[in-house]
Amino acid sequence: MKTTEINKSLIGKEVEIIVTGLMVKGVVTGIYECEYAKGIEVNHEPVNWGGEIYTNSTSLARKSDDWGCLQHAKLI
C-alpha cells in the first residue's frame, strides 16, 4: 500500500499488515498523518512478542518515498 492510497474510506476495512515480522489480519480503525509520514491504525489478532501481547499497531511509511512497513500492507 502507498501513502497516496491512505484515506478515511479505509476505516473499517480488513487488512493484512506486518507486526514484529509476522503478517497478521486486522481492521483499520484510524488514519495517522504527520508532516513526514502517513499510515493506518489497525486492531489485529493477538501477537505475542517477548511475553507481551499486542492487538493494535500502526503501519507507517514516509511520504517522500513510501518506504516503511506500510508497503507490505494489503487489503483483504
N, C-alpha and C. Protein backbone atom coordinates (compact mmCIF):
# COMPACT_ATOMS: atom_id res chain seq x y z
N MET A 1 0.85 -1.16 0.00
CA MET A 1 0.00 0.00 0.00
C MET A 1 0.90 1.23 0.00
N LYS A 2 0.46 2.29 -0.66
CA LYS A 2 1.24 3.53 -0.73
C LYS A 2 0.55 4.62 0.09
N THR A 3 1.31 5.63 0.46
CA THR A 3 0.75 6.71 1.26
C THR A 3 -0.35 7.46 0.51
N THR A 4 -0.27 7.50 -0.80
CA THR A 4 -1.30 8.19 -1.59
C THR A 4 -2.64 7.44 -1.56
N GLU A 5 -2.63 6.15 -1.20
CA GLU A 5 -3.85 5.35 -1.14
C GLU A 5 -4.56 5.48 0.21
N ILE A 6 -3.92 6.12 1.18
CA ILE A 6 -4.47 6.22 2.53
C ILE A 6 -5.51 7.34 2.59
N ASN A 7 -6.74 6.98 2.98
CA ASN A 7 -7.80 7.96 3.18
C ASN A 7 -8.83 7.39 4.15
N LYS A 8 -9.77 8.21 4.56
CA LYS A 8 -10.75 7.81 5.58
C LYS A 8 -11.67 6.67 5.13
N SER A 9 -11.78 6.42 3.84
CA SER A 9 -12.65 5.34 3.36
C SER A 9 -12.09 3.96 3.72
N LEU A 10 -10.83 3.88 4.14
CA LEU A 10 -10.22 2.61 4.55
C LEU A 10 -10.68 2.17 5.94
N ILE A 11 -11.19 3.10 6.74
CA ILE A 11 -11.61 2.77 8.10
C ILE A 11 -12.72 1.72 8.05
N GLY A 12 -12.53 0.65 8.81
CA GLY A 12 -13.49 -0.45 8.84
C GLY A 12 -13.18 -1.58 7.88
N LYS A 13 -12.20 -1.40 7.00
CA LYS A 13 -11.83 -2.44 6.03
C LYS A 13 -10.84 -3.41 6.66
N GLU A 14 -10.87 -4.65 6.19
CA GLU A 14 -9.93 -5.67 6.65
C GLU A 14 -8.62 -5.56 5.88
N VAL A 15 -7.52 -5.67 6.61
CA VAL A 15 -6.19 -5.57 6.01
C VAL A 15 -5.28 -6.64 6.61
N GLU A 16 -4.15 -6.80 5.96
CA GLU A 16 -3.09 -7.66 6.46
C GLU A 16 -1.86 -6.77 6.57
N ILE A 17 -1.24 -6.74 7.77
CA ILE A 17 -0.06 -5.91 8.00
C ILE A 17 1.03 -6.74 8.67
N ILE A 18 2.24 -6.18 8.69
CA ILE A 18 3.36 -6.83 9.37
C ILE A 18 3.46 -6.28 10.79
N VAL A 19 3.50 -7.21 11.77
CA VAL A 19 3.71 -6.85 13.17
C VAL A 19 4.79 -7.78 13.70
N THR A 20 5.89 -7.24 14.15
CA THR A 20 7.05 -7.99 14.65
C THR A 20 7.48 -9.09 13.68
N GLY A 21 7.42 -8.82 12.40
CA GLY A 21 7.85 -9.78 11.40
C GLY A 21 6.81 -10.79 10.96
N LEU A 22 5.62 -10.73 11.54
CA LEU A 22 4.54 -11.65 11.17
C LEU A 22 3.45 -10.91 10.41
N MET A 23 2.87 -11.56 9.40
CA MET A 23 1.72 -11.00 8.72
C MET A 23 0.48 -11.36 9.53
N VAL A 24 -0.28 -10.35 9.94
CA VAL A 24 -1.49 -10.57 10.73
C VAL A 24 -2.66 -9.85 10.10
N LYS A 25 -3.87 -10.38 10.33
CA LYS A 25 -5.09 -9.78 9.81
C LYS A 25 -5.72 -8.89 10.86
N GLY A 26 -6.32 -7.80 10.39
CA GLY A 26 -6.97 -6.89 11.31
C GLY A 26 -7.90 -5.95 10.58
N VAL A 27 -8.42 -4.97 11.33
CA VAL A 27 -9.37 -4.00 10.81
C VAL A 27 -8.80 -2.60 11.03
N VAL A 28 -8.88 -1.76 10.00
CA VAL A 28 -8.39 -0.39 10.10
C VAL A 28 -9.33 0.40 11.01
N THR A 29 -8.76 1.05 12.04
CA THR A 29 -9.56 1.82 12.99
C THR A 29 -9.31 3.32 12.88
N GLY A 30 -8.24 3.70 12.19
CA GLY A 30 -7.94 5.12 12.07
C GLY A 30 -6.82 5.40 11.09
N ILE A 31 -6.61 6.66 10.83
CA ILE A 31 -5.56 7.12 9.92
C ILE A 31 -4.57 7.95 10.72
N TYR A 32 -3.28 7.73 10.49
CA TYR A 32 -2.23 8.51 11.13
C TYR A 32 -1.57 9.37 10.06
N GLU A 33 -1.34 10.64 10.38
CA GLU A 33 -0.63 11.51 9.45
C GLU A 33 0.10 12.59 10.21
N CYS A 34 1.34 12.82 9.81
CA CYS A 34 2.11 13.95 10.32
C CYS A 34 2.80 14.60 9.13
N GLU A 35 3.71 15.49 9.39
CA GLU A 35 4.38 16.22 8.31
C GLU A 35 5.17 15.28 7.38
N TYR A 36 5.74 14.21 7.94
CA TYR A 36 6.65 13.37 7.17
C TYR A 36 6.13 11.96 6.86
N ALA A 37 5.14 11.48 7.60
CA ALA A 37 4.70 10.10 7.43
C ALA A 37 3.18 10.00 7.41
N LYS A 38 2.71 8.88 6.89
CA LYS A 38 1.27 8.62 6.82
C LYS A 38 1.08 7.12 6.99
N GLY A 39 -0.04 6.73 7.60
CA GLY A 39 -0.26 5.30 7.80
C GLY A 39 -1.65 4.99 8.32
N ILE A 40 -1.82 3.72 8.70
CA ILE A 40 -3.10 3.24 9.20
C ILE A 40 -2.94 2.66 10.60
N GLU A 41 -3.95 2.89 11.43
CA GLU A 41 -4.00 2.28 12.76
C GLU A 41 -4.89 1.06 12.64
N VAL A 42 -4.42 -0.08 13.17
CA VAL A 42 -5.11 -1.35 12.95
C VAL A 42 -5.28 -2.11 14.27
N ASN A 43 -6.49 -2.62 14.51
CA ASN A 43 -6.73 -3.60 15.57
C ASN A 43 -6.60 -4.97 14.91
N HIS A 44 -5.71 -5.81 15.43
CA HIS A 44 -5.42 -7.07 14.76
C HIS A 44 -5.46 -8.24 15.74
N GLU A 45 -5.28 -9.44 15.18
CA GLU A 45 -5.24 -10.63 16.02
C GLU A 45 -4.05 -10.53 16.97
N PRO A 46 -4.13 -11.13 18.14
CA PRO A 46 -3.05 -11.02 19.14
C PRO A 46 -1.71 -11.55 18.64
N VAL A 47 -0.66 -10.79 18.94
CA VAL A 47 0.72 -11.17 18.61
C VAL A 47 1.51 -11.17 19.90
N ASN A 48 2.17 -12.30 20.22
CA ASN A 48 3.00 -12.41 21.41
C ASN A 48 4.44 -12.09 21.02
N TRP A 49 5.00 -11.09 21.67
CA TRP A 49 6.38 -10.71 21.41
C TRP A 49 7.06 -10.47 22.75
N GLY A 50 7.92 -11.38 23.14
CA GLY A 50 8.65 -11.26 24.40
C GLY A 50 7.75 -11.31 25.62
N GLY A 51 6.67 -12.05 25.54
CA GLY A 51 5.76 -12.15 26.67
C GLY A 51 4.70 -11.06 26.70
N GLU A 52 4.81 -10.08 25.83
CA GLU A 52 3.81 -9.02 25.73
C GLU A 52 2.85 -9.35 24.59
N ILE A 53 1.58 -9.06 24.79
CA ILE A 53 0.57 -9.32 23.76
C ILE A 53 0.17 -7.99 23.13
N TYR A 54 0.28 -7.92 21.81
CA TYR A 54 -0.08 -6.71 21.07
C TYR A 54 -1.32 -6.99 20.22
N THR A 55 -2.29 -6.08 20.29
CA THR A 55 -3.51 -6.24 19.50
C THR A 55 -3.83 -5.02 18.65
N ASN A 56 -3.04 -3.96 18.77
CA ASN A 56 -3.21 -2.81 17.88
C ASN A 56 -1.85 -2.25 17.52
N SER A 57 -1.74 -1.84 16.26
CA SER A 57 -0.47 -1.34 15.74
C SER A 57 -0.74 -0.26 14.70
N THR A 58 0.30 0.50 14.40
CA THR A 58 0.23 1.49 13.34
C THR A 58 1.25 1.12 12.28
N SER A 59 0.79 1.04 11.05
CA SER A 59 1.65 0.72 9.92
C SER A 59 1.91 2.01 9.16
N LEU A 60 3.18 2.45 9.10
CA LEU A 60 3.54 3.76 8.55
C LEU A 60 4.49 3.67 7.37
N ALA A 61 4.54 4.76 6.60
CA ALA A 61 5.54 4.92 5.55
C ALA A 61 5.86 6.40 5.41
N ARG A 62 7.07 6.70 4.94
CA ARG A 62 7.44 8.10 4.70
C ARG A 62 6.68 8.62 3.49
N LYS A 63 6.26 9.86 3.55
CA LYS A 63 5.55 10.47 2.42
C LYS A 63 6.48 10.69 1.23
N SER A 64 7.74 10.95 1.50
CA SER A 64 8.68 11.31 0.42
C SER A 64 8.95 10.16 -0.54
N ASP A 65 9.02 8.91 -0.03
CA ASP A 65 9.37 7.79 -0.91
C ASP A 65 8.60 6.51 -0.63
N ASP A 66 7.58 6.56 0.23
CA ASP A 66 6.74 5.41 0.58
C ASP A 66 7.50 4.27 1.23
N TRP A 67 8.67 4.54 1.83
CA TRP A 67 9.42 3.49 2.50
C TRP A 67 8.89 3.31 3.91
N GLY A 68 8.65 2.06 4.28
CA GLY A 68 8.19 1.73 5.62
C GLY A 68 7.37 0.45 5.60
N CYS A 69 6.88 0.03 6.75
CA CYS A 69 6.13 -1.23 6.82
C CYS A 69 4.79 -1.13 6.11
N LEU A 70 4.31 0.06 5.82
CA LEU A 70 3.06 0.22 5.09
C LEU A 70 3.14 -0.39 3.69
N GLN A 71 4.33 -0.46 3.13
CA GLN A 71 4.47 -1.02 1.78
C GLN A 71 4.11 -2.50 1.74
N HIS A 72 4.08 -3.18 2.89
CA HIS A 72 3.71 -4.60 2.94
C HIS A 72 2.23 -4.80 3.30
N ALA A 73 1.53 -3.73 3.63
CA ALA A 73 0.11 -3.82 4.00
C ALA A 73 -0.73 -4.04 2.74
N LYS A 74 -1.79 -4.84 2.89
CA LYS A 74 -2.68 -5.04 1.75
C LYS A 74 -4.11 -5.28 2.23
N LEU A 75 -5.06 -4.85 1.42
CA LEU A 75 -6.46 -5.08 1.72
C LEU A 75 -6.79 -6.53 1.48
N ILE A 76 -7.70 -7.06 2.31
CA ILE A 76 -8.12 -8.46 2.15
C ILE A 76 -9.43 -8.49 1.39
